[in-house]
Amino acid sequence: MKVVKNIVTVPIIIVLCLLKCLIDLIIKAECWVAGVGFLLLAILTILAVVKQQWLQIGIFAGLASLGIIILILSANILVWIERGLERLK
């Protein structure tokens, strides 16, 4: 029975490890892009406040919120994969 369990779980563990590595790379890229993007959004928000363009400030806040939500969701996916790996080992 242990042999059958190992035959079934080893490919799943390999796939989950590959997914974990892929999502780690994606999160690192997202963080780099988000850092540059938030810096740009901060500069544009300051410019919009100076020029009193209130609609643009709302748009910038929405974009920042969307970026944060995407980062949180990708981190949650990584946590789910790590929990799955812990259960299989």
PDB file of N, CA and C in Angstrom:
ATOM      1  N   MET A   1       0.817  -1.192   0.000  1.00  0.00           N
ATOM      2  CA  MET A   1       0.000   0.000   0.000  1.00  0.00           C
ATOM      3  C   MET A   1       0.866   1.263   0.000  1.00  0.00           C
ATOM      4  N   LYS A   2       2.008   1.217   0.712  1.00  0.00           N
ATOM      5  CA  LYS A   2       2.888   2.383   0.745  1.00  0.00           C
ATOM      6  C   LYS A   2       3.456   2.684  -0.627  1.00  0.00           C
ATOM      7  N   VAL A   3       3.721   1.648  -1.400  1.00  0.00           N
ATOM      8  CA  VAL A   3       4.283   1.843  -2.738  1.00  0.00           C
ATOM      9  C   VAL A   3       3.275   2.557  -3.626  1.00  0.00           C
ATOM     10  N   VAL A   4       2.024   2.160  -3.540  1.00  0.00           N
ATOM     11  CA  VAL A   4       0.978   2.806  -4.343  1.00  0.00           C
ATOM     12  C   VAL A   4       0.828   4.265  -3.924  1.00  0.00           C
ATOM     13  N   LYS A   5       0.873   4.514  -2.615  1.00  0.00           N
ATOM     14  CA  LYS A   5       0.770   5.892  -2.127  1.00  0.00           C
ATOM     15  C   LYS A   5       1.929   6.733  -2.652  1.00  0.00           C
ATOM     16  N   ASN A   6       3.137   6.192  -2.628  1.00  0.00           N
ATOM     17  CA  ASN A   6       4.297   6.928  -3.137  1.00  0.00           C
ATOM     18  C   ASN A   6       4.200   7.166  -4.636  1.00  0.00           C
ATOM     19  N   ILE A   7       3.713   6.176  -5.366  1.00  0.00           N
ATOM     20  CA  ILE A   7       3.577   6.331  -6.822  1.00  0.00           C
ATOM     21  C   ILE A   7       2.581   7.435  -7.149  1.00  0.00           C
ATOM     22  N   VAL A   8       1.546   7.556  -6.349  1.00  0.00           N
ATOM     23  CA  VAL A   8       0.525   8.580  -6.598  1.00  0.00           C
ATOM     24  C   VAL A   8       0.990   9.958  -6.129  1.00  0.00           C
ATOM     25  N   THR A   9       1.642  10.034  -4.975  1.00  0.00           N
ATOM     26  CA  THR A   9       1.958  11.344  -4.409  1.00  0.00           C
ATOM     27  C   THR A   9       3.210  11.995  -4.984  1.00  0.00           C
ATOM     28  N   VAL A  10       4.163  11.213  -5.458  1.00  0.00           N
ATOM     29  CA  VAL A  10       5.406  11.810  -5.963  1.00  0.00           C
ATOM     30  C   VAL A  10       5.160  12.742  -7.154  1.00  0.00           C
ATOM     31  N   PRO A  11       4.363  12.350  -8.171  1.00  0.00           N
ATOM     32  CA  PRO A  11       4.116  13.307  -9.265  1.00  0.00           C
ATOM     33  C   PRO A  11       3.380  14.570  -8.807  1.00  0.00           C
ATOM     34  N   ILE A  12       2.472  14.403  -7.847  1.00  0.00           N
ATOM     35  CA  ILE A  12       1.744  15.569  -7.334  1.00  0.00           C
ATOM     36  C   ILE A  12       2.705  16.506  -6.610  1.00  0.00           C
ATOM     37  N   ILE A  13       3.616  15.949  -5.826  1.00  0.00           N
ATOM     38  CA  ILE A  13       4.604  16.767  -5.117  1.00  0.00           C
ATOM     39  C   ILE A  13       5.500  17.498  -6.108  1.00  0.00           C
ATOM     40  N   ILE A  14       5.906  16.818  -7.170  1.00  0.00           N
ATOM     41  CA  ILE A  14       6.762  17.454  -8.180  1.00  0.00           C
ATOM     42  C   ILE A  14       6.034  18.616  -8.846  1.00  0.00           C
ATOM     43  N   VAL A  15       4.769  18.401  -9.208  1.00  0.00           N
ATOM     44  CA  VAL A  15       3.990  19.467  -9.856  1.00  0.00           C
ATOM     45  C   VAL A  15       3.810  20.644  -8.906  1.00  0.00           C
ATOM     46  N   LEU A  16       3.501  20.372  -7.640  1.00  0.00           N
ATOM     47  CA  LEU A  16       3.317  21.460  -6.674  1.00  0.00           C
ATOM     48  C   LEU A  16       4.616  22.221  -6.429  1.00  0.00           C
ATOM     49  N   CYS A  17       5.745  21.517  -6.406  1.00  0.00           N
ATOM     50  CA  CYS A  17       7.038  22.201  -6.243  1.00  0.00           C
ATOM     51  C   CYS A  17       7.334  23.105  -7.437  1.00  0.00           C
ATOM     52  N   LEU A  18       7.028  22.620  -8.632  1.00  0.00           N
ATOM     53  CA  LEU A  18       7.230  23.452  -9.823  1.00  0.00           C
ATOM     54  C   LEU A  18       6.312  24.671  -9.807  1.00  0.00           C
ATOM     55  N   LEU A  19       5.054  24.471  -9.396  1.00  0.00           N
ATOM     56  CA  LEU A  19       4.127  25.602  -9.288  1.00  0.00           C
ATOM     57  C   LEU A  19       4.609  26.609  -8.247  1.00  0.00           C
ATOM     58  N   LYS A  20       5.142  26.097  -7.134  1.00  0.00           N
ATOM     59  CA  LYS A  20       5.651  26.994  -6.088  1.00  0.00           C
ATOM     60  C   LYS A  20       6.803  27.839  -6.617  1.00  0.00           C
ATOM     61  N   CYS A  21       7.717  27.219  -7.350  1.00  0.00           N
ATOM     62  CA  CYS A  21       8.841  27.974  -7.924  1.00  0.00           C
ATOM     63  C   CYS A  21       8.349  29.016  -8.922  1.00  0.00           C
ATOM     64  N   LEU A  22       7.390  28.632  -9.751  1.00  0.00           N
ATOM     65  CA  LEU A  22       6.840  29.557 -10.743  1.00  0.00           C
ATOM     66  C   LEU A  22       6.144  30.731 -10.066  1.00  0.00           C
ATOM     67  N   ILE A  23       5.354  30.461  -9.047  1.00  0.00           N
ATOM     68  CA  ILE A  23       4.640  31.539  -8.367  1.00  0.00           C
ATOM     69  C   ILE A  23       5.610  32.417  -7.587  1.00  0.00           C
ATOM     70  N   ASP A  24       6.678  31.839  -7.036  1.00  0.00           N
ATOM     71  CA  ASP A  24       7.714  32.661  -6.388  1.00  0.00           C
ATOM     72  C   ASP A  24       8.298  33.667  -7.369  1.00  0.00           C
ATOM     73  N   LEU A  25       8.608  33.203  -8.568  1.00  0.00           N
ATOM     74  CA  LEU A  25       9.146  34.117  -9.585  1.00  0.00           C
ATOM     75  C   LEU A  25       8.127  35.189  -9.969  1.00  0.00           C
ATOM     76  N   ILE A  26       6.876  34.781 -10.115  1.00  0.00           N
ATOM     77  CA  ILE A  26       5.826  35.739 -10.478  1.00  0.00           C
ATOM     78  C   ILE A  26       5.657  36.786  -9.376  1.00  0.00           C
ATOM     79  N   ILE A  27       5.673  36.360  -8.118  1.00  0.00           N
ATOM     80  CA  ILE A  27       5.521  37.307  -7.005  1.00  0.00           C
ATOM     81  C   ILE A  27       6.688  38.283  -6.963  1.00  0.00           C
ATOM     82  N   LYS A  28       7.904  37.790  -7.196  1.00  0.00           N
ATOM     83  CA  LYS A  28       9.062  38.692  -7.203  1.00  0.00           C
ATOM     84  C   LYS A  28       8.944  39.719  -8.325  1.00  0.00           C
ATOM     85  N   ALA A  29       8.495  39.282  -9.500  1.00  0.00           N
ATOM     86  CA  ALA A  29       8.305  40.218 -10.609  1.00  0.00           C
ATOM     87  C   ALA A  29       7.183  41.206 -10.294  1.00  0.00           C
ATOM     88  N   GLU A  30       6.089  40.709  -9.704  1.00  0.00           N
ATOM     89  CA  GLU A  30       4.978  41.593  -9.339  1.00  0.00           C
ATOM     90  C   GLU A  30       5.422  42.651  -8.337  1.00  0.00           C
ATOM     91  N   CYS A  31       6.215  42.249  -7.363  1.00  0.00           N
ATOM     92  CA  CYS A  31       6.677  43.210  -6.350  1.00  0.00           C
ATOM     93  C   CYS A  31       7.563  44.279  -6.970  1.00  0.00           C
ATOM     94  N   TRP A  32       8.428  43.880  -7.882  1.00  0.00           N
ATOM     95  CA  TRP A  32       9.293  44.860  -8.546  1.00  0.00           C
ATOM     96  C   TRP A  32       8.451  45.831  -9.372  1.00  0.00           C
ATOM     97  N   VAL A  33       7.527  45.297 -10.154  1.00  0.00           N
ATOM     98  CA  VAL A  33       6.670  46.151 -10.984  1.00  0.00           C
ATOM     99  C   VAL A  33       5.772  47.017 -10.100  1.00  0.00           C
ATOM    100  N   ALA A  34       5.262  46.443  -9.007  1.00  0.00           N
ATOM    101  CA  ALA A  34       4.401  47.219  -8.113  1.00  0.00           C
ATOM    102  C   ALA A  34       5.171  48.356  -7.457  1.00  0.00           C
ATOM    103  N   GLY A  35       6.414  48.119  -7.098  1.00  0.00           N
ATOM    104  CA  GLY A  35       7.218  49.186  -6.501  1.00  0.00           C
ATOM    105  C   GLY A  35       7.394  50.353  -7.443  1.00  0.00           C
ATOM    106  N   VAL A  36       7.741  50.054  -8.682  1.00  0.00           N
ATOM    107  CA  VAL A  36       7.897  51.113  -9.683  1.00  0.00           C
ATOM    108  C   VAL A  36       6.546  51.755  -9.985  1.00  0.00           C
ATOM    109  N   GLY A  37       5.507  50.915 -10.086  1.00  0.00           N
ATOM    110  CA  GLY A  37       4.169  51.434 -10.385  1.00  0.00           C
ATOM    111  C   GLY A  37       3.627  52.334  -9.289  1.00  0.00           C
ATOM    112  N   PHE A  38       3.819  51.938  -8.022  1.00  0.00           N
ATOM    113  CA  PHE A  38       3.348  52.767  -6.917  1.00  0.00           C
ATOM    114  C   PHE A  38       4.126  54.070  -6.822  1.00  0.00           C
ATOM    115  N   LEU A  39       5.392  54.033  -7.150  1.00  0.00           N
ATOM    116  CA  LEU A  39       6.177  55.266  -7.181  1.00  0.00           C
ATOM    117  C   LEU A  39       5.616  56.216  -8.242  1.00  0.00           C
ATOM    118  N   LEU A  40       5.313  55.676  -9.410  1.00  0.00           N
ATOM    119  CA  LEU A  40       4.717  56.478 -10.480  1.00  0.00           C
ATOM    120  C   LEU A  40       3.343  57.001 -10.068  1.00  0.00           C
ATOM    121  N   LEU A  41       2.530  56.133  -9.440  1.00  0.00           N
ATOM    122  CA  LEU A  41       1.213  56.575  -8.985  1.00  0.00           C
ATOM    123  C   LEU A  41       1.321  57.674  -7.930  1.00  0.00           C
ATOM    124  N   ALA A  42       2.304  57.589  -7.047  1.00  0.00           N
ATOM    125  CA  ALA A  42       2.486  58.630  -6.030  1.00  0.00           C
ATOM    126  C   ALA A  42       2.843  59.959  -6.676  1.00  0.00           C
ATOM    127  N   ILE A  43       3.731  59.924  -7.657  1.00  0.00           N
ATOM    128  CA  ILE A  43       4.113  61.156  -8.356  1.00  0.00           C
ATOM    129  C   ILE A  43       2.913  61.747  -9.081  1.00  0.00           C
ATOM    130  N   LEU A  44       2.151  60.890  -9.765  1.00  0.00           N
ATOM    131  CA  LEU A  44       0.977  61.382 -10.490  1.00  0.00           C
ATOM    132  C   LEU A  44      -0.104  61.888  -9.540  1.00  0.00           C
ATOM    133  N   THR A  45      -0.233  61.268  -8.374  1.00  0.00           N
ATOM    134  CA  THR A  45      -1.214  61.738  -7.394  1.00  0.00           C
ATOM    135  C   THR A  45      -0.837  63.117  -6.865  1.00  0.00           C
ATOM    136  N   ILE A  46       0.430  63.324  -6.580  1.00  0.00           N
ATOM    137  CA  ILE A  46       0.881  64.651  -6.131  1.00  0.00           C
ATOM    138  C   ILE A  46       0.615  65.687  -7.214  1.00  0.00           C
ATOM    139  N   LEU A  47       0.885  65.333  -8.452  1.00  0.00           N
ATOM    140  CA  LEU A  47       0.622  66.244  -9.567  1.00  0.00           C
ATOM    141  C   LEU A  47      -0.871  66.535  -9.694  1.00  0.00           C
ATOM    142  N   ALA A  48      -1.716  65.507  -9.511  1.00  0.00           N
ATOM    143  CA  ALA A  48      -3.162  65.706  -9.600  1.00  0.00           C
ATOM    144  C   ALA A  48      -3.672  66.585  -8.465  1.00  0.00           C
ATOM    145  N   VAL A  49      -3.095  66.460  -7.267  1.00  0.00           N
ATOM    146  CA  VAL A  49      -3.506  67.312  -6.146  1.00  0.00           C
ATOM    147  C   VAL A  49      -3.130  68.756  -6.428  1.00  0.00           C
ATOM    148  N   VAL A  50      -1.929  68.962  -6.965  1.00  0.00           N
ATOM    149  CA  VAL A  50      -1.481  70.322  -7.266  1.00  0.00           C
ATOM    150  C   VAL A  50      -2.389  70.954  -8.315  1.00  0.00           C
ATOM    151  N   LYS A  51      -2.784  70.173  -9.319  1.00  0.00           N
ATOM    152  CA  LYS A  51      -3.627  70.712 -10.393  1.00  0.00           C
ATOM    153  C   LYS A  51      -5.122  70.597 -10.085  1.00  0.00           C
ATOM    154  N   GLN A  52      -5.464  70.062  -8.911  1.00  0.00           N
ATOM    155  CA  GLN A  52      -6.848  69.899  -8.460  1.00  0.00           C
ATOM    156  C   GLN A  52      -7.672  69.067  -9.441  1.00  0.00           C
ATOM    157  N   GLN A  53      -7.132  67.938  -9.848  1.00  0.00           N
ATOM    158  CA  GLN A  53      -7.841  67.004 -10.723  1.00  0.00           C
ATOM    159  C   GLN A  53      -8.312  65.827  -9.865  1.00  0.00           C
ATOM    160  N   TRP A  54      -9.486  65.977  -9.268  1.00  0.00           N
ATOM    161  CA  TRP A  54      -9.955  65.032  -8.262  1.00  0.00           C
ATOM    162  C   TRP A  54     -10.347  63.692  -8.871  1.00  0.00           C
ATOM    163  N   LEU A  55     -10.836  63.681 -10.080  1.00  0.00           N
ATOM    164  CA  LEU A  55     -11.210  62.418 -10.722  1.00  0.00           C
ATOM    165  C   LEU A  55      -9.982  61.532 -10.931  1.00  0.00           C
ATOM    166  N   GLN A  56      -8.874  62.127 -11.320  1.00  0.00           N
ATOM    167  CA  GLN A  56      -7.647  61.357 -11.526  1.00  0.00           C
ATOM    168  C   GLN A  56      -7.137  60.754 -10.214  1.00  0.00           C
ATOM    169  N   ILE A  57      -7.331  61.467  -9.108  1.00  0.00           N
ATOM    170  CA  ILE A  57      -6.913  60.928  -7.808  1.00  0.00           C
ATOM    171  C   ILE A  57      -7.717  59.669  -7.488  1.00  0.00           C
ATOM    172  N   GLY A  58      -9.000  59.694  -7.781  1.00  0.00           N
ATOM    173  CA  GLY A  58      -9.833  58.504  -7.576  1.00  0.00           C
ATOM    174  C   GLY A  58      -9.399  57.344  -8.454  1.00  0.00           C
ATOM    175  N   ILE A  59      -9.045  57.636  -9.690  1.00  0.00           N
ATOM    176  CA  ILE A  59      -8.561  56.593 -10.603  1.00  0.00           C
ATOM    177  C   ILE A  59      -7.247  56.017 -10.094  1.00  0.00           C
ATOM    178  N   PHE A  60      -6.343  56.871  -9.634  1.00  0.00           N
ATOM    179  CA  PHE A  60      -5.063  56.394  -9.112  1.00  0.00           C
ATOM    180  C   PHE A  60      -5.270  55.529  -7.864  1.00  0.00           C
ATOM    181  N   ALA A  61      -6.203  55.922  -7.008  1.00  0.00           N
ATOM    182  CA  ALA A  61      -6.489  55.127  -5.807  1.00  0.00           C
ATOM    183  C   ALA A  61      -7.053  53.758  -6.193  1.00  0.00           C
ATOM    184  N   GLY A  62      -7.897  53.735  -7.204  1.00  0.00           N
ATOM    185  CA  GLY A  62      -8.430  52.458  -7.686  1.00  0.00           C
ATOM    186  C   GLY A  62      -7.349  51.558  -8.251  1.00  0.00           C
ATOM    187  N   LEU A  63      -6.422  52.137  -9.007  1.00  0.00           N
ATOM    188  CA  LEU A  63      -5.312  51.349  -9.553  1.00  0.00           C
ATOM    189  C   LEU A  63      -4.417  50.811  -8.445  1.00  0.00           C
ATOM    190  N   ALA A  64      -4.161  51.627  -7.437  1.00  0.00           N
ATOM    191  CA  ALA A  64      -3.339  51.170  -6.313  1.00  0.00           C
ATOM    192  C   ALA A  64      -4.039  50.042  -5.557  1.00  0.00           C
ATOM    193  N   SER A  65      -5.341  50.176  -5.350  1.00  0.00           N
ATOM    194  CA  SER A  65      -6.098  49.121  -4.670  1.00  0.00           C
ATOM    195  C   SER A  65      -6.074  47.826  -5.467  1.00  0.00           C
ATOM    196  N   LEU A  66      -6.215  47.933  -6.773  1.00  0.00           N
ATOM    197  CA  LEU A  66      -6.173  46.749  -7.633  1.00  0.00           C
ATOM    198  C   LEU A  66      -4.810  46.067  -7.560  1.00  0.00           C
ATOM    199  N   GLY A  67      -3.750  46.845  -7.553  1.00  0.00           N
ATOM    200  CA  GLY A  67      -2.408  46.274  -7.443  1.00  0.00           C
ATOM    201  C   GLY A  67      -2.196  45.541  -6.135  1.00  0.00           C
ATOM    202  N   ILE A  68      -2.686  46.117  -5.050  1.00  0.00           N
ATOM    203  CA  ILE A  68      -2.547  45.475  -3.741  1.00  0.00           C
ATOM    204  C   ILE A  68      -3.362  44.188  -3.684  1.00  0.00           C
ATOM    205  N   ILE A  69      -4.554  44.207  -4.250  1.00  0.00           N
ATOM    206  CA  ILE A  69      -5.391  43.000  -4.263  1.00  0.00           C
ATOM    207  C   ILE A  69      -4.718  41.882  -5.045  1.00  0.00           C
ATOM    208  N   ILE A  70      -4.117  42.205  -6.181  1.00  0.00           N
ATOM    209  CA  ILE A  70      -3.433  41.189  -6.987  1.00  0.00           C
ATOM    210  C   ILE A  70      -2.259  40.598  -6.215  1.00  0.00           C
ATOM    211  N   LEU A  71      -1.491  41.431  -5.521  1.00  0.00           N
ATOM    212  CA  LEU A  71      -0.369  40.921  -4.725  1.00  0.00           C
ATOM    213  C   LEU A  71      -0.843  40.016  -3.592  1.00  0.00           C
ATOM    214  N   ILE A  72      -1.915  40.386  -2.931  1.00  0.00           N
ATOM    215  CA  ILE A  72      -2.435  39.567  -1.833  1.00  0.00           C
ATOM    216  C   ILE A  72      -2.953  38.234  -2.352  1.00  0.00           C
ATOM    217  N   LEU A  73      -3.654  38.241  -3.483  1.00  0.00           N
ATOM    218  CA  LEU A  73      -4.168  36.992  -4.043  1.00  0.00           C
ATOM    219  C   LEU A  73      -3.047  36.052  -4.456  1.00  0.00           C
ATOM    220  N   SER A  74      -2.009  36.586  -5.067  1.00  0.00           N
ATOM    221  CA  SER A  74      -0.902  35.713  -5.474  1.00  0.00           C
ATOM    222  C   SER A  74      -0.169  35.153  -4.258  1.00  0.00           C
ATOM    223  N   ALA A  75      -0.066  35.931  -3.184  1.00  0.00           N
ATOM    224  CA  ALA A  75       0.551  35.415  -1.956  1.00  0.00           C
ATOM    225  C   ALA A  75      -0.313  34.318  -1.336  1.00  0.00           C
ATOM    226  N   ASN A  76      -1.641  34.463  -1.402  1.00  0.00           N
ATOM    227  CA  ASN A  76      -2.530  33.426  -0.884  1.00  0.00           C
ATOM    228  C   ASN A  76      -2.400  32.137  -1.683  1.00  0.00           C
ATOM    229  N   ILE A  77      -2.260  32.242  -2.992  1.00  0.00           N
ATOM    230  CA  ILE A  77      -2.069  31.053  -3.823  1.00  0.00           C
ATOM    231  C   ILE A  77      -0.792  30.332  -3.410  1.00  0.00           C
ATOM    232  N   LEU A  78       0.262  31.082  -3.152  1.00  0.00           N
ATOM    233  CA  LEU A  78       1.525  30.480  -2.716  1.00  0.00           C
ATOM    234  C   LEU A  78       1.352  29.767  -1.375  1.00  0.00           C
ATOM    235  N   VAL A  79       0.609  30.346  -0.457  1.00  0.00           N
ATOM    236  CA  VAL A  79       0.370  29.716   0.846  1.00  0.00           C
ATOM    237  C   VAL A  79      -0.420  28.423   0.672  1.00  0.00           C
ATOM    238  N   TRP A  80      -1.429  28.418  -0.214  1.00  0.00           N
ATOM    239  CA  TRP A  80      -2.209  27.204  -0.453  1.00  0.00           C
ATOM    240  C   TRP A  80      -1.332  26.088  -1.015  1.00  0.00           C
ATOM    241  N   ILE A  81      -0.436  26.439  -1.916  1.00  0.00           N
ATOM    242  CA  ILE A  81       0.458  25.432  -2.491  1.00  0.00           C
ATOM    243  C   ILE A  81       1.391  24.883  -1.419  1.00  0.00           C
ATOM    244  N   GLU A  82       1.927  25.748  -0.569  1.00  0.00           N
ATOM    245  CA  GLU A  82       2.814  25.282   0.503  1.00  0.00           C
ATOM    246  C   GLU A  82       2.075  24.381   1.486  1.00  0.00           C
ATOM    247  N   ARG A  83       0.833  24.700   1.795  1.00  0.00           N
ATOM    248  CA  ARG A  83       0.045  23.837   2.687  1.00  0.00           C
ATOM    249  C   ARG A  83      -0.203  22.478   2.043  1.00  0.00           C
ATOM    250  N   GLY A  84      -0.478  22.477   0.741  1.00  0.00           N
ATOM    251  CA  GLY A  84      -0.668  21.211   0.037  1.00  0.00           C
ATOM    252  C   GLY A  84       0.585  20.357   0.056  1.00  0.00           C
ATOM    253  N   LEU A  85       1.742  20.994  -0.112  1.00  0.00           N
ATOM    254  CA  LEU A  85       3.005  20.249  -0.050  1.00  0.00           C
ATOM    255  C   LEU A  85       3.245  19.674   1.344  1.00  0.00           C
ATOM    256  N   GLU A  86       2.905  20.432   2.379  1.00  0.00           N
ATOM    257  CA  GLU A  86       3.090  19.940   3.748  1.00  0.00           C
ATOM    258  C   GLU A  86       2.204  18.734   4.024  1.00  0.00           C
ATOM    259  N   ARG A  87       0.984  18.754   3.501  1.00  0.00           N
ATOM    260  CA  ARG A  87       0.073  17.631   3.733  1.00  0.00           C
ATOM    261  C   ARG A  87       0.523  16.372   3.003  1.00  0.00           C
ATOM    262  N   LEU A  88       1.139  16.544   1.844  1.00  0.00           N
ATOM    263  CA  LEU A  88       1.556  15.379   1.068  1.00  0.00           C
ATOM    264  C   LEU A  88       2.846  14.759   1.576  1.00  0.00           C
ATOM    265  N   LYS A  89       3.647  15.527   2.300  1.00  0.00           N
ATOM    266  CA  LYS A  89       4.941  14.982   2.758  1.00  0.00           C
ATOM    267  C   LYS A  89       4.829  14.255   4.065  1.00  0.00           C
TER     268      LYS A  89
END
